[in-house]
Amino acid sequence: DYELLLTDVMEGQSPAEAIQQNLPLFSKSAVRNTYERYPGSFEALKPGRKYAWQVIARNKLDYLAKTEVWTFTVTSTPPATDIISATPFVLLRKDGFEKAI
């Protein structure tokens, strides 16, 4: 089984310090999959903020090993109008009437 820890990295803090010192935003034990969803019921991760995560391998309650500390930053999602305007489309014209598909 694995344990997953996720925390935010404060200004001037290394990711390893964040994992060791900060309260986890998310912690889950007995993880058996190679993926895990961040619960929608938890506080949303903030765009532009740096987060650190680590996986700990356990044999029941005994510590076996842990990964190095990894980081990621949440990017903001562009508005739907930006996504739509960046999507290629074909403009059809018939008798002065335009229609984009």
N, C-alpha and C. Protein backbone atom coordinates (compact mmCIF):
# COMPACT_ATOMS: atom_id res chain seq x y z
N ASP A 1 0.84 -1.19 0.00
CA ASP A 1 0.00 0.00 0.00
C ASP A 1 0.88 1.25 0.00
N TYR A 2 0.27 2.34 -0.43
CA TYR A 2 0.98 3.61 -0.49
C TYR A 2 0.21 4.68 0.26
N GLU A 3 0.93 5.71 0.67
CA GLU A 3 0.33 6.88 1.27
C GLU A 3 0.71 8.07 0.40
N LEU A 4 -0.24 8.93 0.14
CA LEU A 4 -0.01 10.11 -0.69
C LEU A 4 -0.17 11.36 0.17
N LEU A 5 0.81 12.25 0.08
CA LEU A 5 0.79 13.53 0.81
C LEU A 5 0.84 14.67 -0.20
N LEU A 6 0.04 15.70 0.03
CA LEU A 6 0.03 16.89 -0.81
C LEU A 6 -0.05 18.11 0.09
N THR A 7 0.82 19.09 -0.15
CA THR A 7 0.80 20.32 0.63
C THR A 7 1.22 21.49 -0.26
N ASP A 8 0.95 22.70 0.21
CA ASP A 8 1.40 23.85 -0.56
C ASP A 8 2.80 24.24 -0.10
N VAL A 9 3.55 24.86 -1.01
CA VAL A 9 4.91 25.31 -0.73
C VAL A 9 4.85 26.81 -0.47
N MET A 10 5.28 27.21 0.72
CA MET A 10 5.26 28.62 1.09
C MET A 10 6.46 29.35 0.49
N GLU A 11 6.35 30.66 0.42
CA GLU A 11 7.44 31.51 -0.08
C GLU A 11 8.72 31.24 0.72
N GLY A 12 9.83 31.00 0.02
CA GLY A 12 11.11 30.76 0.66
C GLY A 12 11.32 29.36 1.20
N GLN A 13 10.37 28.48 0.96
CA GLN A 13 10.42 27.11 1.46
C GLN A 13 10.80 26.16 0.33
N SER A 14 11.62 25.18 0.61
CA SER A 14 11.90 24.15 -0.40
C SER A 14 10.74 23.15 -0.39
N PRO A 15 10.54 22.41 -1.48
CA PRO A 15 9.48 21.39 -1.48
C PRO A 15 9.64 20.35 -0.36
N ALA A 16 10.88 19.95 -0.09
CA ALA A 16 11.11 18.96 0.98
C ALA A 16 10.72 19.54 2.34
N GLU A 17 11.04 20.81 2.57
CA GLU A 17 10.64 21.46 3.82
C GLU A 17 9.12 21.53 3.93
N ALA A 18 8.45 21.81 2.82
CA ALA A 18 6.99 21.90 2.81
C ALA A 18 6.37 20.57 3.23
N ILE A 19 6.86 19.47 2.66
CA ILE A 19 6.32 18.13 3.01
C ILE A 19 6.55 17.83 4.48
N GLN A 20 7.72 18.21 5.01
CA GLN A 20 8.05 17.89 6.40
C GLN A 20 7.36 18.81 7.41
N GLN A 21 7.15 20.10 7.05
CA GLN A 21 6.71 21.07 8.04
C GLN A 21 5.26 21.50 7.93
N ASN A 22 4.70 21.51 6.73
CA ASN A 22 3.34 22.05 6.55
C ASN A 22 2.28 20.98 6.78
N LEU A 23 1.12 21.42 7.22
CA LEU A 23 -0.01 20.50 7.32
C LEU A 23 -0.43 20.07 5.92
N PRO A 24 -0.71 18.81 5.71
CA PRO A 24 -1.13 18.37 4.39
C PRO A 24 -2.49 18.97 4.00
N LEU A 25 -2.61 19.35 2.73
CA LEU A 25 -3.91 19.73 2.19
C LEU A 25 -4.71 18.47 1.89
N PHE A 26 -3.98 17.41 1.56
CA PHE A 26 -4.60 16.13 1.21
C PHE A 26 -3.64 15.03 1.65
N SER A 27 -4.17 14.03 2.31
CA SER A 27 -3.39 12.88 2.72
C SER A 27 -4.29 11.66 2.61
N LYS A 28 -3.78 10.63 1.98
CA LYS A 28 -4.59 9.42 1.84
C LYS A 28 -3.71 8.20 2.04
N SER A 29 -4.18 7.30 2.87
CA SER A 29 -3.49 6.05 3.14
C SER A 29 -4.14 4.93 2.35
N ALA A 30 -3.46 3.82 2.29
CA ALA A 30 -3.97 2.61 1.63
C ALA A 30 -4.29 2.84 0.16
N VAL A 31 -3.49 3.66 -0.50
CA VAL A 31 -3.67 3.89 -1.94
C VAL A 31 -3.09 2.69 -2.67
N ARG A 32 -3.86 2.14 -3.58
CA ARG A 32 -3.41 0.95 -4.32
C ARG A 32 -3.31 1.20 -5.82
N ASN A 33 -3.83 2.34 -6.27
CA ASN A 33 -3.79 2.67 -7.70
C ASN A 33 -2.57 3.52 -8.02
N THR A 34 -2.28 3.66 -9.29
CA THR A 34 -1.17 4.52 -9.72
C THR A 34 -1.66 5.94 -9.98
N TYR A 35 -2.88 6.24 -9.59
CA TYR A 35 -3.45 7.58 -9.74
C TYR A 35 -4.38 7.83 -8.56
N GLU A 36 -4.65 9.09 -8.30
CA GLU A 36 -5.58 9.45 -7.24
C GLU A 36 -6.22 10.78 -7.60
N ARG A 37 -7.51 10.89 -7.43
CA ARG A 37 -8.22 12.14 -7.71
C ARG A 37 -8.20 13.04 -6.48
N TYR A 38 -8.04 14.33 -6.74
CA TYR A 38 -8.15 15.30 -5.66
C TYR A 38 -9.64 15.52 -5.43
N PRO A 39 -10.11 15.33 -4.21
CA PRO A 39 -11.55 15.41 -3.94
C PRO A 39 -12.14 16.79 -4.23
N GLY A 40 -13.25 16.83 -4.91
CA GLY A 40 -13.95 18.07 -5.20
C GLY A 40 -14.51 18.73 -3.95
N SER A 41 -14.65 17.97 -2.88
CA SER A 41 -15.18 18.53 -1.63
C SER A 41 -14.10 19.27 -0.83
N PHE A 42 -12.84 19.13 -1.24
CA PHE A 42 -11.75 19.82 -0.56
C PHE A 42 -11.60 21.23 -1.14
N GLU A 43 -10.87 22.08 -0.43
CA GLU A 43 -10.60 23.44 -0.92
C GLU A 43 -9.89 23.35 -2.27
N ALA A 44 -10.34 24.16 -3.22
CA ALA A 44 -9.77 24.13 -4.57
C ALA A 44 -8.30 24.55 -4.54
N LEU A 45 -7.51 23.89 -5.39
CA LEU A 45 -6.12 24.29 -5.53
C LEU A 45 -6.08 25.61 -6.30
N LYS A 46 -5.21 26.51 -5.88
CA LYS A 46 -5.22 27.87 -6.41
C LYS A 46 -4.25 28.03 -7.58
N PRO A 47 -4.71 28.67 -8.66
CA PRO A 47 -3.83 28.93 -9.80
C PRO A 47 -2.62 29.76 -9.38
N GLY A 48 -1.45 29.40 -9.91
CA GLY A 48 -0.23 30.13 -9.63
C GLY A 48 0.49 29.68 -8.36
N ARG A 49 -0.16 28.89 -7.54
CA ARG A 49 0.46 28.43 -6.29
C ARG A 49 1.23 27.13 -6.55
N LYS A 50 2.36 26.98 -5.88
CA LYS A 50 3.19 25.79 -6.02
C LYS A 50 2.80 24.77 -4.95
N TYR A 51 2.67 23.52 -5.34
CA TYR A 51 2.31 22.43 -4.44
C TYR A 51 3.37 21.34 -4.49
N ALA A 52 3.55 20.65 -3.38
CA ALA A 52 4.51 19.55 -3.29
C ALA A 52 3.75 18.27 -2.94
N TRP A 53 4.23 17.16 -3.48
CA TRP A 53 3.61 15.87 -3.16
C TRP A 53 4.66 14.78 -3.05
N GLN A 54 4.32 13.75 -2.31
CA GLN A 54 5.22 12.63 -2.09
C GLN A 54 4.41 11.37 -1.86
N VAL A 55 4.96 10.25 -2.28
CA VAL A 55 4.34 8.95 -2.07
C VAL A 55 5.23 8.14 -1.12
N ILE A 56 4.61 7.53 -0.13
CA ILE A 56 5.32 6.71 0.86
C ILE A 56 4.82 5.28 0.72
N ALA A 57 5.75 4.35 0.57
CA ALA A 57 5.40 2.92 0.47
C ALA A 57 5.40 2.33 1.87
N ARG A 58 4.36 1.56 2.16
CA ARG A 58 4.23 0.93 3.48
C ARG A 58 3.86 -0.55 3.32
N ASN A 59 4.29 -1.32 4.28
CA ASN A 59 3.89 -2.71 4.40
C ASN A 59 3.06 -2.78 5.67
N LYS A 60 1.75 -2.67 5.50
CA LYS A 60 0.82 -2.47 6.60
C LYS A 60 1.17 -1.15 7.28
N LEU A 61 1.66 -1.15 8.48
CA LEU A 61 2.00 0.10 9.15
C LEU A 61 3.50 0.42 9.09
N ASP A 62 4.30 -0.52 8.59
CA ASP A 62 5.74 -0.32 8.54
C ASP A 62 6.15 0.50 7.33
N TYR A 63 7.06 1.45 7.57
CA TYR A 63 7.60 2.27 6.50
C TYR A 63 8.56 1.44 5.65
N LEU A 64 8.44 1.53 4.33
CA LEU A 64 9.36 0.82 3.42
C LEU A 64 10.27 1.80 2.67
N ALA A 65 9.68 2.79 2.04
CA ALA A 65 10.45 3.74 1.24
C ALA A 65 9.56 4.93 0.89
N LYS A 66 10.18 5.99 0.40
CA LYS A 66 9.40 7.12 -0.07
C LYS A 66 10.06 7.71 -1.30
N THR A 67 9.25 8.34 -2.12
CA THR A 67 9.76 8.97 -3.33
C THR A 67 10.43 10.28 -2.98
N GLU A 68 11.12 10.84 -3.95
CA GLU A 68 11.57 12.22 -3.76
C GLU A 68 10.33 13.11 -3.77
N VAL A 69 10.48 14.34 -3.37
CA VAL A 69 9.36 15.27 -3.34
C VAL A 69 9.21 15.88 -4.73
N TRP A 70 8.00 15.83 -5.26
CA TRP A 70 7.70 16.38 -6.58
C TRP A 70 6.85 17.64 -6.40
N THR A 71 6.87 18.50 -7.40
CA THR A 71 6.08 19.73 -7.32
C THR A 71 5.27 19.94 -8.60
N PHE A 72 4.24 20.75 -8.47
CA PHE A 72 3.47 21.20 -9.63
C PHE A 72 2.85 22.54 -9.30
N THR A 73 2.49 23.27 -10.33
CA THR A 73 1.81 24.55 -10.19
C THR A 73 0.51 24.48 -10.97
N VAL A 74 -0.56 24.93 -10.38
CA VAL A 74 -1.87 24.93 -11.04
C VAL A 74 -1.92 26.13 -11.99
N THR A 75 -2.34 25.87 -13.21
CA THR A 75 -2.51 26.96 -14.16
C THR A 75 -3.98 27.34 -14.20
N SER A 76 -4.24 28.57 -14.59
CA SER A 76 -5.64 28.99 -14.67
C SER A 76 -6.24 28.47 -15.97
N THR A 77 -7.48 28.13 -15.92
CA THR A 77 -8.20 27.65 -17.10
C THR A 77 -8.71 28.84 -17.88
N PRO A 78 -8.39 28.92 -19.16
CA PRO A 78 -8.89 30.06 -19.92
C PRO A 78 -10.41 30.00 -20.06
N PRO A 79 -11.04 31.15 -20.20
CA PRO A 79 -12.49 31.14 -20.41
C PRO A 79 -12.85 30.36 -21.67
N ALA A 80 -14.05 29.83 -21.71
CA ALA A 80 -14.50 29.03 -22.86
C ALA A 80 -14.39 29.82 -24.17
N THR A 81 -14.61 31.13 -24.10
CA THR A 81 -14.53 31.93 -25.34
C THR A 81 -13.11 31.90 -25.91
N ASP A 82 -12.08 31.87 -25.04
CA ASP A 82 -10.70 31.78 -25.52
C ASP A 82 -10.45 30.43 -26.18
N ILE A 83 -10.98 29.37 -25.58
CA ILE A 83 -10.81 28.03 -26.14
C ILE A 83 -11.50 27.93 -27.50
N ILE A 84 -12.71 28.45 -27.57
CA ILE A 84 -13.48 28.39 -28.82
C ILE A 84 -12.81 29.20 -29.90
N SER A 85 -12.34 30.40 -29.58
CA SER A 85 -11.72 31.24 -30.60
C SER A 85 -10.40 30.67 -31.09
N ALA A 86 -9.74 29.85 -30.28
CA ALA A 86 -8.48 29.24 -30.68
C ALA A 86 -8.69 27.93 -31.44
N THR A 87 -9.93 27.47 -31.52
CA THR A 87 -10.23 26.21 -32.20
C THR A 87 -10.42 26.46 -33.70
N PRO A 88 -9.72 25.67 -34.53
CA PRO A 88 -9.90 25.87 -35.97
C PRO A 88 -11.32 25.50 -36.41
N PHE A 89 -11.82 26.21 -37.39
CA PHE A 89 -13.14 25.92 -37.92
C PHE A 89 -13.19 26.30 -39.39
N VAL A 90 -14.22 25.85 -40.06
CA VAL A 90 -14.44 26.15 -41.47
C VAL A 90 -15.62 27.09 -41.56
N LEU A 91 -15.48 28.15 -42.31
CA LEU A 91 -16.56 29.10 -42.50
C LEU A 91 -17.19 28.84 -43.86
N LEU A 92 -18.47 28.48 -43.84
CA LEU A 92 -19.19 28.19 -45.07
C LEU A 92 -20.03 29.40 -45.46
N ARG A 93 -20.05 29.73 -46.73
CA ARG A 93 -20.86 30.85 -47.20
C ARG A 93 -21.80 30.36 -48.30
N LYS A 94 -23.03 30.80 -48.20
CA LYS A 94 -24.01 30.47 -49.24
C LYS A 94 -24.96 31.63 -49.35
N ASP A 95 -24.99 32.25 -50.50
CA ASP A 95 -25.91 33.35 -50.76
C ASP A 95 -25.84 34.44 -49.69
N GLY A 96 -24.61 34.82 -49.30
CA GLY A 96 -24.46 35.90 -48.34
C GLY A 96 -24.68 35.49 -46.91
N PHE A 97 -24.99 34.22 -46.65
CA PHE A 97 -25.22 33.75 -45.29
C PHE A 97 -23.97 33.02 -44.83
N GLU A 98 -23.47 33.36 -43.65
CA GLU A 98 -22.28 32.70 -43.14
C GLU A 98 -22.64 31.76 -42.00
N LYS A 99 -21.95 30.64 -41.97
CA LYS A 99 -22.17 29.68 -40.90
C LYS A 99 -20.83 29.03 -40.57
N ALA A 100 -20.47 29.04 -39.32
CA ALA A 100 -19.21 28.40 -38.90
C ALA A 100 -19.54 27.02 -38.34
N ILE A 101 -18.75 26.06 -38.76
CA ILE A 101 -18.91 24.71 -38.20
C ILE A 101 -17.59 24.20 -37.68
